[in-house]
Amino acid sequence: MPKTQRITVTLPTELLERVDQLERNRSRFIAQAVGHELARSRRDALLQSIQNPHPEATEHVGTSEWTSDVPGDDRLVDASAGTPVRWIEGQGWTKEPR
């Protein structure tokens, strides 16, 4: 169980009444709401960072140069080495005839 700490938070009466209508455990409800808001804030910051990258980040080597020494797909996986299978609903994975 995560460590907890008691704090004092002031909320408008109407908001607290709405919380009480949904959940008996106020602390749990508020902790979940704060967690959701923190996750949303992180996603927004990441999206902002992707849309407006730091100038130094755009100066680095491009993806094509970074992956230039990676072998092609035909050298990464030998497709003939495995057993061909397919998914059949209700049966699971089954061997394919060769």
PDB file of N, CA and C in Angstrom:
ATOM      1  N   MET A   1       0.836  -1.168   0.000  1.00  0.00           N
ATOM      2  CA  MET A   1       0.000   0.000   0.000  1.00  0.00           C
ATOM      3  C   MET A   1       0.888   1.242   0.000  1.00  0.00           C
ATOM      4  N   PRO A   2       0.579   2.219  -0.876  1.00  0.00           N
ATOM      5  CA  PRO A   2       1.409   3.421  -0.929  1.00  0.00           C
ATOM      6  C   PRO A   2       1.328   4.228   0.363  1.00  0.00           C
ATOM      7  N   LYS A   3       2.389   4.926   0.646  1.00  0.00           N
ATOM      8  CA  LYS A   3       2.438   5.793   1.813  1.00  0.00           C
ATOM      9  C   LYS A   3       1.457   6.944   1.607  1.00  0.00           C
ATOM     10  N   THR A   4       0.788   7.355   2.653  1.00  0.00           N
ATOM     11  CA  THR A   4      -0.163   8.462   2.558  1.00  0.00           C
ATOM     12  C   THR A   4       0.228   9.563   3.531  1.00  0.00           C
ATOM     13  N   GLN A   5      -0.323  10.737   3.262  1.00  0.00           N
ATOM     14  CA  GLN A   5      -0.079  11.878   4.129  1.00  0.00           C
ATOM     15  C   GLN A   5      -1.371  12.668   4.245  1.00  0.00           C
ATOM     16  N   ARG A   6      -1.702  13.074   5.441  1.00  0.00           N
ATOM     17  CA  ARG A   6      -2.925  13.844   5.682  1.00  0.00           C
ATOM     18  C   ARG A   6      -2.645  15.310   5.347  1.00  0.00           C
ATOM     19  N   ILE A   7      -3.562  15.911   4.584  1.00  0.00           N
ATOM     20  CA  ILE A   7      -3.456  17.325   4.231  1.00  0.00           C
ATOM     21  C   ILE A   7      -4.817  17.990   4.434  1.00  0.00           C
ATOM     22  N   THR A   8      -4.832  19.286   4.415  1.00  0.00           N
ATOM     23  CA  THR A   8      -6.081  20.030   4.481  1.00  0.00           C
ATOM     24  C   THR A   8      -6.300  20.674   3.121  1.00  0.00           C
ATOM     25  N   VAL A   9      -7.462  20.421   2.539  1.00  0.00           N
ATOM     26  CA  VAL A   9      -7.812  20.977   1.243  1.00  0.00           C
ATOM     27  C   VAL A   9      -9.152  21.677   1.403  1.00  0.00           C
ATOM     28  N   THR A  10      -9.252  22.873   0.881  1.00  0.00           N
ATOM     29  CA  THR A  10     -10.500  23.625   0.947  1.00  0.00           C
ATOM     30  C   THR A  10     -11.201  23.506  -0.403  1.00  0.00           C
ATOM     31  N   LEU A  11     -12.456  23.038  -0.377  1.00  0.00           N
ATOM     32  CA  LEU A  11     -13.245  22.872  -1.589  1.00  0.00           C
ATOM     33  C   LEU A  11     -14.574  23.597  -1.432  1.00  0.00           C
ATOM     34  N   PRO A  12     -15.120  24.081  -2.532  1.00  0.00           N
ATOM     35  CA  PRO A  12     -16.456  24.682  -2.452  1.00  0.00           C
ATOM     36  C   PRO A  12     -17.469  23.642  -1.981  1.00  0.00           C
ATOM     37  N   THR A  13     -18.422  24.079  -1.170  1.00  0.00           N
ATOM     38  CA  THR A  13     -19.426  23.185  -0.595  1.00  0.00           C
ATOM     39  C   THR A  13     -20.170  22.413  -1.681  1.00  0.00           C
ATOM     40  N   GLU A  14     -20.570  23.103  -2.738  1.00  0.00           N
ATOM     41  CA  GLU A  14     -21.320  22.453  -3.820  1.00  0.00           C
ATOM     42  C   GLU A  14     -20.502  21.333  -4.467  1.00  0.00           C
ATOM     43  N   LEU A  15     -19.216  21.563  -4.660  1.00  0.00           N
ATOM     44  CA  LEU A  15     -18.351  20.538  -5.251  1.00  0.00           C
ATOM     45  C   LEU A  15     -18.236  19.334  -4.328  1.00  0.00           C
ATOM     46  N   LEU A  16     -18.070  19.571  -3.044  1.00  0.00           N
ATOM     47  CA  LEU A  16     -17.968  18.491  -2.072  1.00  0.00           C
ATOM     48  C   LEU A  16     -19.263  17.689  -1.998  1.00  0.00           C
ATOM     49  N   GLU A  17     -20.398  18.360  -2.081  1.00  0.00           N
ATOM     50  CA  GLU A  17     -21.684  17.653  -2.090  1.00  0.00           C
ATOM     51  C   GLU A  17     -21.794  16.744  -3.306  1.00  0.00           C
ATOM     52  N   ARG A  18     -21.307  17.210  -4.444  1.00  0.00           N
ATOM     53  CA  ARG A  18     -21.341  16.376  -5.660  1.00  0.00           C
ATOM     54  C   ARG A  18     -20.428  15.163  -5.521  1.00  0.00           C
ATOM     55  N   VAL A  19     -19.276  15.351  -4.877  1.00  0.00           N
ATOM     56  CA  VAL A  19     -18.374  14.222  -4.615  1.00  0.00           C
ATOM     57  C   VAL A  19     -19.070  13.210  -3.722  1.00  0.00           C
ATOM     58  N   ASP A  20     -19.717  13.685  -2.676  1.00  0.00           N
ATOM     59  CA  ASP A  20     -20.399  12.802  -1.724  1.00  0.00           C
ATOM     60  C   ASP A  20     -21.534  12.013  -2.372  1.00  0.00           C
ATOM     61  N   GLN A  21     -22.150  12.569  -3.392  1.00  0.00           N
ATOM     62  CA  GLN A  21     -23.213  11.847  -4.100  1.00  0.00           C
ATOM     63  C   GLN A  21     -22.658  10.660  -4.888  1.00  0.00           C
ATOM     64  N   LEU A  22     -21.406  10.760  -5.300  1.00  0.00           N
ATOM     65  CA  LEU A  22     -20.803   9.709  -6.125  1.00  0.00           C
ATOM     66  C   LEU A  22     -19.992   8.690  -5.331  1.00  0.00           C
ATOM     67  N   GLU A  23     -19.376   9.122  -4.264  1.00  0.00           N
ATOM     68  CA  GLU A  23     -18.407   8.268  -3.572  1.00  0.00           C
ATOM     69  C   GLU A  23     -18.451   8.514  -2.073  1.00  0.00           C
ATOM     70  N   ARG A  24     -18.483   7.429  -1.305  1.00  0.00           N
ATOM     71  CA  ARG A  24     -18.464   7.555   0.165  1.00  0.00           C
ATOM     72  C   ARG A  24     -17.081   7.920   0.669  1.00  0.00           C
ATOM     73  N   ASN A  25     -16.049   7.413  -0.008  1.00  0.00           N
ATOM     74  CA  ASN A  25     -14.675   7.665   0.422  1.00  0.00           C
ATOM     75  C   ASN A  25     -14.133   8.894  -0.320  1.00  0.00           C
ATOM     76  N   ARG A  26     -14.273  10.043   0.305  1.00  0.00           N
ATOM     77  CA  ARG A  26     -13.823  11.298  -0.310  1.00  0.00           C
ATOM     78  C   ARG A  26     -12.343  11.264  -0.660  1.00  0.00           C
ATOM     79  N   SER A  27     -11.539  10.771   0.260  1.00  0.00           N
ATOM     80  CA  SER A  27     -10.090  10.768   0.047  1.00  0.00           C
ATOM     81  C   SER A  27      -9.718   9.971  -1.199  1.00  0.00           C
ATOM     82  N   ARG A  28     -10.293   8.799  -1.328  1.00  0.00           N
ATOM     83  CA  ARG A  28      -9.997   7.968  -2.500  1.00  0.00           C
ATOM     84  C   ARG A  28     -10.427   8.673  -3.787  1.00  0.00           C
ATOM     85  N   PHE A  29     -11.622   9.237  -3.785  1.00  0.00           N
ATOM     86  CA  PHE A  29     -12.143   9.925  -4.962  1.00  0.00           C
ATOM     87  C   PHE A  29     -11.239  11.095  -5.357  1.00  0.00           C
ATOM     88  N   ILE A  30     -10.859  11.896  -4.375  1.00  0.00           N
ATOM     89  CA  ILE A  30     -10.022  13.064  -4.664  1.00  0.00           C
ATOM     90  C   ILE A  30      -8.629  12.625  -5.107  1.00  0.00           C
ATOM     91  N   ALA A  31      -8.086  11.576  -4.501  1.00  0.00           N
ATOM     92  CA  ALA A  31      -6.775  11.067  -4.914  1.00  0.00           C
ATOM     93  C   ALA A  31      -6.820  10.583  -6.364  1.00  0.00           C
ATOM     94  N   GLN A  32      -7.889   9.877  -6.739  1.00  0.00           N
ATOM     95  CA  GLN A  32      -8.030   9.422  -8.126  1.00  0.00           C
ATOM     96  C   GLN A  32      -8.165  10.609  -9.078  1.00  0.00           C
ATOM     97  N   ALA A  33      -8.945  11.608  -8.682  1.00  0.00           N
ATOM     98  CA  ALA A  33      -9.127  12.791  -9.530  1.00  0.00           C
ATOM     99  C   ALA A  33      -7.799  13.522  -9.724  1.00  0.00           C
ATOM    100  N   VAL A  34      -7.024  13.656  -8.672  1.00  0.00           N
ATOM    101  CA  VAL A  34      -5.725  14.317  -8.771  1.00  0.00           C
ATOM    102  C   VAL A  34      -4.794  13.488  -9.672  1.00  0.00           C
ATOM    103  N   GLY A  35      -4.821  12.162  -9.506  1.00  0.00           N
ATOM    104  CA  GLY A  35      -4.009  11.295 -10.361  1.00  0.00           C
ATOM    105  C   GLY A  35      -4.363  11.445 -11.827  1.00  0.00           C
ATOM    106  N   HIS A  36      -5.672  11.491 -12.127  1.00  0.00           N
ATOM    107  CA  HIS A  36      -6.114  11.675 -13.518  1.00  0.00           C
ATOM    108  C   HIS A  36      -5.650  13.031 -14.060  1.00  0.00           C
ATOM    109  N   GLU A  37      -5.750  14.044 -13.230  1.00  0.00           N
ATOM    110  CA  GLU A  37      -5.346  15.388 -13.667  1.00  0.00           C
ATOM    111  C   GLU A  37      -3.841  15.459 -13.900  1.00  0.00           C
ATOM    112  N   LEU A  38      -3.051  14.811 -13.048  1.00  0.00           N
ATOM    113  CA  LEU A  38      -1.603  14.789 -13.245  1.00  0.00           C
ATOM    114  C   LEU A  38      -1.241  14.059 -14.538  1.00  0.00           C
ATOM    115  N   ALA A  39      -1.908  12.943 -14.817  1.00  0.00           N
ATOM    116  CA  ALA A  39      -1.659  12.202 -16.060  1.00  0.00           C
ATOM    117  C   ALA A  39      -2.037  13.049 -17.270  1.00  0.00           C
ATOM    118  N   ARG A  40      -3.182  13.748 -17.198  1.00  0.00           N
ATOM    119  CA  ARG A  40      -3.605  14.610 -18.297  1.00  0.00           C
ATOM    120  C   ARG A  40      -2.594  15.731 -18.519  1.00  0.00           C
ATOM    121  N   SER A  41      -2.118  16.294 -17.432  1.00  0.00           N
ATOM    122  CA  SER A  41      -1.137  17.370 -17.521  1.00  0.00           C
ATOM    123  C   SER A  41       0.160  16.880 -18.161  1.00  0.00           C
ATOM    124  N   ARG A  42       0.614  15.666 -17.799  1.00  0.00           N
ATOM    125  CA  ARG A  42       1.818  15.089 -18.412  1.00  0.00           C
ATOM    126  C   ARG A  42       1.616  14.873 -19.904  1.00  0.00           C
ATOM    127  N   ARG A  43       0.424  14.337 -20.279  1.00  0.00           N
ATOM    128  CA  ARG A  43       0.139  14.122 -21.709  1.00  0.00           C
ATOM    129  C   ARG A  43       0.142  15.438 -22.470  1.00  0.00           C
ATOM    130  N   ASP A  44      -0.461  16.468 -21.879  1.00  0.00           N
ATOM    131  CA  ASP A  44      -0.493  17.784 -22.523  1.00  0.00           C
ATOM    132  C   ASP A  44       0.917  18.343 -22.693  1.00  0.00           C
ATOM    133  N   ALA A  45       1.756  18.191 -21.665  1.00  0.00           N
ATOM    134  CA  ALA A  45       3.134  18.681 -21.738  1.00  0.00           C
ATOM    135  C   ALA A  45       3.913  17.927 -22.806  1.00  0.00           C
ATOM    136  N   LEU A  46       3.707  16.610 -22.899  1.00  0.00           N
ATOM    137  CA  LEU A  46       4.392  15.823 -23.920  1.00  0.00           C
ATOM    138  C   LEU A  46       3.946  16.253 -25.313  1.00  0.00           C
ATOM    139  N   LEU A  47       2.651  16.432 -25.502  1.00  0.00           N
ATOM    140  CA  LEU A  47       2.128  16.875 -26.787  1.00  0.00           C
ATOM    141  C   LEU A  47       2.695  18.250 -27.140  1.00  0.00           C
ATOM    142  N   GLN A  48       2.741  19.144 -26.168  1.00  0.00           N
ATOM    143  CA  GLN A  48       3.312  20.476 -26.394  1.00  0.00           C
ATOM    144  C   GLN A  48       4.779  20.366 -26.792  1.00  0.00           C
ATOM    145  N   SER A  49       5.506  19.473 -26.131  1.00  0.00           N
ATOM    146  CA  SER A  49       6.919  19.278 -26.430  1.00  0.00           C
ATOM    147  C   SER A  49       7.120  18.718 -27.838  1.00  0.00           C
ATOM    148  N   ILE A  50       6.249  17.817 -28.248  1.00  0.00           N
ATOM    149  CA  ILE A  50       6.350  17.234 -29.589  1.00  0.00           C
ATOM    150  C   ILE A  50       6.016  18.282 -30.648  1.00  0.00           C
ATOM    151  N   GLN A  51       4.997  19.088 -30.383  1.00  0.00           N
ATOM    152  CA  GLN A  51       4.582  20.106 -31.352  1.00  0.00           C
ATOM    153  C   GLN A  51       5.572  21.266 -31.427  1.00  0.00           C
ATOM    154  N   ASN A  52       6.263  21.532 -30.344  1.00  0.00           N
ATOM    155  CA  ASN A  52       7.223  22.646 -30.291  1.00  0.00           C
ATOM    156  C   ASN A  52       8.525  22.161 -29.669  1.00  0.00           C
ATOM    157  N   PRO A  53       9.301  21.344 -30.396  1.00  0.00           N
ATOM    158  CA  PRO A  53      10.530  20.794 -29.806  1.00  0.00           C
ATOM    159  C   PRO A  53      11.554  21.891 -29.506  1.00  0.00           C
ATOM    160  N   HIS A  54      12.364  21.618 -28.520  1.00  0.00           N
ATOM    161  CA  HIS A  54      13.443  22.531 -28.175  1.00  0.00           C
ATOM    162  C   HIS A  54      14.380  22.628 -29.375  1.00  0.00           C
ATOM    163  N   PRO A  55      14.893  23.823 -29.689  1.00  0.00           N
ATOM    164  CA  PRO A  55      15.760  23.978 -30.864  1.00  0.00           C
ATOM    165  C   PRO A  55      16.938  23.007 -30.891  1.00  0.00           C
ATOM    166  N   GLU A  56      17.526  22.714 -29.742  1.00  0.00           N
ATOM    167  CA  GLU A  56      18.664  21.793 -29.708  1.00  0.00           C
ATOM    168  C   GLU A  56      18.254  20.376 -30.112  1.00  0.00           C
ATOM    169  N   ALA A  57      16.998  20.012 -29.855  1.00  0.00           N
ATOM    170  CA  ALA A  57      16.537  18.667 -30.200  1.00  0.00           C
ATOM    171  C   ALA A  57      16.455  18.488 -31.716  1.00  0.00           C
ATOM    172  N   THR A  58      16.208  19.550 -32.440  1.00  0.00           N
ATOM    173  CA  THR A  58      16.086  19.438 -33.898  1.00  0.00           C
ATOM    174  C   THR A  58      17.441  19.480 -34.586  1.00  0.00           C
ATOM    175  N   GLU A  59      18.499  19.778 -33.839  1.00  0.00           N
ATOM    176  CA  GLU A  59      19.839  19.831 -34.420  1.00  0.00           C
ATOM    177  C   GLU A  59      20.500  18.463 -34.487  1.00  0.00           C
ATOM    178  N   HIS A  60      19.937  17.481 -33.805  1.00  0.00           N
ATOM    179  CA  HIS A  60      20.554  16.163 -33.755  1.00  0.00           C
ATOM    180  C   HIS A  60      20.353  15.409 -35.061  1.00  0.00           C
ATOM    181  N   VAL A  61      21.054  14.304 -35.172  1.00  0.00           N
ATOM    182  CA  VAL A  61      20.997  13.471 -36.364  1.00  0.00           C
ATOM    183  C   VAL A  61      19.571  13.023 -36.631  1.00  0.00           C
ATOM    184  N   GLY A  62      19.174  13.009 -37.886  1.00  0.00           N
ATOM    185  CA  GLY A  62      17.836  12.562 -38.269  1.00  0.00           C
ATOM    186  C   GLY A  62      17.692  11.062 -38.138  1.00  0.00           C
ATOM    187  N   THR A  63      16.465  10.589 -38.189  1.00  0.00           N
ATOM    188  CA  THR A  63      16.177   9.169 -38.029  1.00  0.00           C
ATOM    189  C   THR A  63      16.861   8.326 -39.085  1.00  0.00           C
ATOM    190  N   SER A  64      16.852   8.780 -40.325  1.00  0.00           N
ATOM    191  CA  SER A  64      17.468   7.978 -41.394  1.00  0.00           C
ATOM    192  C   SER A  64      18.955   7.783 -41.144  1.00  0.00           C
ATOM    193  N   GLU A  65      19.636   8.808 -40.660  1.00  0.00           N
ATOM    194  CA  GLU A  65      21.062   8.669 -40.354  1.00  0.00           C
ATOM    195  C   GLU A  65      21.271   7.785 -39.127  1.00  0.00           C
ATOM    196  N   TRP A  66      20.372   7.891 -38.172  1.00  0.00           N
ATOM    197  CA  TRP A  66      20.488   7.127 -36.934  1.00  0.00           C
ATOM    198  C   TRP A  66      20.304   5.642 -37.197  1.00  0.00           C
ATOM    199  N   THR A  67      19.449   5.276 -38.149  1.00  0.00           N
ATOM    200  CA  THR A  67      19.162   3.873 -38.430  1.00  0.00           C
ATOM    201  C   THR A  67      19.921   3.340 -39.640  1.00  0.00           C
ATOM    202  N   SER A  68      20.850   4.105 -40.180  1.00  0.00           N
ATOM    203  CA  SER A  68      21.532   3.697 -41.409  1.00  0.00           C
ATOM    204  C   SER A  68      22.321   2.394 -41.257  1.00  0.00           C
ATOM    205  N   ASP A  69      22.794   2.088 -40.058  1.00  0.00           N
ATOM    206  CA  ASP A  69      23.570   0.857 -39.872  1.00  0.00           C
ATOM    207  C   ASP A  69      22.720  -0.337 -39.438  1.00  0.00           C
ATOM    208  N   VAL A  70      21.410  -0.170 -39.358  1.00  0.00           N
ATOM    209  CA  VAL A  70      20.516  -1.277 -39.003  1.00  0.00           C
ATOM    210  C   VAL A  70      20.264  -2.109 -40.257  1.00  0.00           C
ATOM    211  N   PRO A  71      20.449  -3.433 -40.167  1.00  0.00           N
ATOM    212  CA  PRO A  71      20.231  -4.257 -41.358  1.00  0.00           C
ATOM    213  C   PRO A  71      18.773  -4.238 -41.805  1.00  0.00           C
ATOM    214  N   GLY A  72      18.535  -4.538 -43.074  1.00  0.00           N
ATOM    215  CA  GLY A  72      17.182  -4.584 -43.616  1.00  0.00           C
ATOM    216  C   GLY A  72      16.358  -5.695 -42.981  1.00  0.00           C
ATOM    217  N   ASP A  73      15.035  -5.651 -43.161  1.00  0.00           N
ATOM    218  CA  ASP A  73      14.134  -6.643 -42.573  1.00  0.00           C
ATOM    219  C   ASP A  73      14.512  -8.066 -42.941  1.00  0.00           C
ATOM    220  N   ASP A  74      14.977  -8.283 -44.155  1.00  0.00           N
ATOM    221  CA  ASP A  74      15.294  -9.637 -44.596  1.00  0.00           C
ATOM    222  C   ASP A  74      16.449 -10.233 -43.809  1.00  0.00           C
ATOM    223  N   ARG A  75      17.267  -9.408 -43.171  1.00  0.00           N
ATOM    224  CA  ARG A  75      18.378  -9.926 -42.378  1.00  0.00           C
ATOM    225  C   ARG A  75      18.063  -9.953 -40.885  1.00  0.00           C
ATOM    226  N   LEU A  76      16.961  -9.339 -40.469  1.00  0.00           N
ATOM    227  CA  LEU A  76      16.613  -9.319 -39.051  1.00  0.00           C
ATOM    228  C   LEU A  76      15.887 -10.584 -38.613  1.00  0.00           C
ATOM    229  N   VAL A  77      15.021 -11.097 -39.472  1.00  0.00           N
ATOM    230  CA  VAL A  77      14.197 -12.251 -39.125  1.00  0.00           C
ATOM    231  C   VAL A  77      14.244 -13.260 -40.258  1.00  0.00           C
ATOM    232  N   ASP A  78      14.447 -14.524 -39.909  1.00  0.00           N
ATOM    233  CA  ASP A  78      14.401 -15.600 -40.900  1.00  0.00           C
ATOM    234  C   ASP A  78      12.994 -16.199 -40.837  1.00  0.00           C
ATOM    235  N   ALA A  79      12.123 -15.775 -41.750  1.00  0.00           N
ATOM    236  CA  ALA A  79      10.731 -16.212 -41.737  1.00  0.00           C
ATOM    237  C   ALA A  79      10.588 -17.714 -41.945  1.00  0.00           C
ATOM    238  N   SER A  80      11.547 -18.344 -42.589  1.00  0.00           N
ATOM    239  CA  SER A  80      11.450 -19.784 -42.832  1.00  0.00           C
ATOM    240  C   SER A  80      11.821 -20.604 -41.601  1.00  0.00           C
ATOM    241  N   ALA A  81      12.374 -19.981 -40.584  1.00  0.00           N
ATOM    242  CA  ALA A  81      12.833 -20.714 -39.405  1.00  0.00           C
ATOM    243  C   ALA A  81      11.708 -21.036 -38.430  1.00  0.00           C
ATOM    244  N   GLY A  82      10.606 -20.326 -38.471  1.00  0.00           N
ATOM    245  CA  GLY A  82       9.545 -20.521 -37.498  1.00  0.00           C
ATOM    246  C   GLY A  82       8.482 -21.491 -37.972  1.00  0.00           C
ATOM    247  N   THR A  83       7.477 -21.670 -37.154  1.00  0.00           N
ATOM    248  CA  THR A  83       6.319 -22.492 -37.490  1.00  0.00           C
ATOM    249  C   THR A  83       5.161 -21.570 -37.808  1.00  0.00           C
ATOM    250  N   PRO A  84       4.612 -21.636 -39.031  1.00  0.00           N
ATOM    251  CA  PRO A  84       3.491 -20.751 -39.348  1.00  0.00           C
ATOM    252  C   PRO A  84       2.254 -21.124 -38.530  1.00  0.00           C
ATOM    253  N   VAL A  85       1.633 -20.110 -37.938  1.00  0.00           N
ATOM    254  CA  VAL A  85       0.433 -20.311 -37.130  1.00  0.00           C
ATOM    255  C   VAL A  85      -0.598 -19.253 -37.489  1.00  0.00           C
ATOM    256  N   ARG A  86      -1.841 -19.507 -37.116  1.00  0.00           N
ATOM    257  CA  ARG A  86      -2.892 -18.499 -37.254  1.00  0.00           C
ATOM    258  C   ARG A  86      -3.850 -18.651 -36.100  1.00  0.00           C
ATOM    259  N   TRP A  87      -4.557 -17.573 -35.798  1.00  0.00           N
ATOM    260  CA  TRP A  87      -5.501 -17.543 -34.692  1.00  0.00           C
ATOM    261  C   TRP A  87      -6.869 -17.968 -35.194  1.00  0.00           C
ATOM    262  N   ILE A  88      -7.485 -18.941 -34.525  1.00  0.00           N
ATOM    263  CA  ILE A  88      -8.841 -19.362 -34.841  1.00  0.00           C
ATOM    264  C   ILE A  88      -9.675 -19.148 -33.581  1.00  0.00           C
ATOM    265  N   GLU A  89     -10.713 -18.325 -33.729  1.00  0.00           N
ATOM    266  CA  GLU A  89     -11.572 -18.006 -32.590  1.00  0.00           C
ATOM    267  C   GLU A  89     -12.119 -19.287 -31.976  1.00  0.00           C
ATOM    268  N   GLY A  90     -12.015 -19.413 -30.672  1.00  0.00           N
ATOM    269  CA  GLY A  90     -12.515 -20.586 -29.961  1.00  0.00           C
ATOM    270  C   GLY A  90     -11.506 -21.723 -29.883  1.00  0.00           C
ATOM    271  N   GLN A  91     -10.477 -21.701 -30.727  1.00  0.00           N
ATOM    272  CA  GLN A  91      -9.454 -22.742 -30.723  1.00  0.00           C
ATOM    273  C   GLN A  91      -8.084 -22.226 -30.306  1.00  0.00           C
ATOM    274  N   GLY A  92      -7.847 -20.951 -30.587  1.00  0.00           N
ATOM    275  CA  GLY A  92      -6.542 -20.372 -30.260  1.00  0.00           C
ATOM    276  C   GLY A  92      -5.600 -20.470 -31.441  1.00  0.00           C
ATOM    277  N   TRP A  93      -4.308 -20.500 -31.151  1.00  0.00           N
ATOM    278  CA  TRP A  93      -3.299 -20.565 -32.207  1.00  0.00           C
ATOM    279  C   TRP A  93      -3.204 -21.975 -32.748  1.00  0.00           C
ATOM    280  N   THR A  94      -3.252 -22.109 -34.048  1.00  0.00           N
ATOM    281  CA  THR A  94      -3.148 -23.426 -34.692  1.00  0.00           C
ATOM    282  C   THR A  94      -2.067 -23.364 -35.771  1.00  0.00           C
ATOM    283  N   LYS A  95      -1.410 -24.502 -35.995  1.00  0.00           N
ATOM    284  CA  LYS A  95      -0.377 -24.565 -37.014  1.00  0.00           C
ATOM    285  C   LYS A  95      -0.976 -24.453 -38.397  1.00  0.00           C
ATOM    286  N   GLU A  96      -0.308 -23.709 -39.242  1.00  0.00           N
ATOM    287  CA  GLU A  96      -0.712 -23.585 -40.642  1.00  0.00           C
ATOM    288  C   GLU A  96      -0.038 -24.702 -41.439  1.00  0.00           C
ATOM    289  N   PRO A  97      -0.742 -25.251 -42.412  1.00  0.00           N
ATOM    290  CA  PRO A  97      -0.068 -26.242 -43.265  1.00  0.00           C
ATOM    291  C   PRO A  97       1.007 -25.544 -44.092  1.00  0.00           C
ATOM    292  N   ARG A  98       2.104 -26.222 -44.296  1.00  0.00           N
ATOM    293  CA  ARG A  98       3.229 -25.630 -45.069  1.00  0.00           C
ATOM    294  C   ARG A  98       3.001 -25.753 -46.535  1.00  0.00           C
TER     295      ARG A  98
END
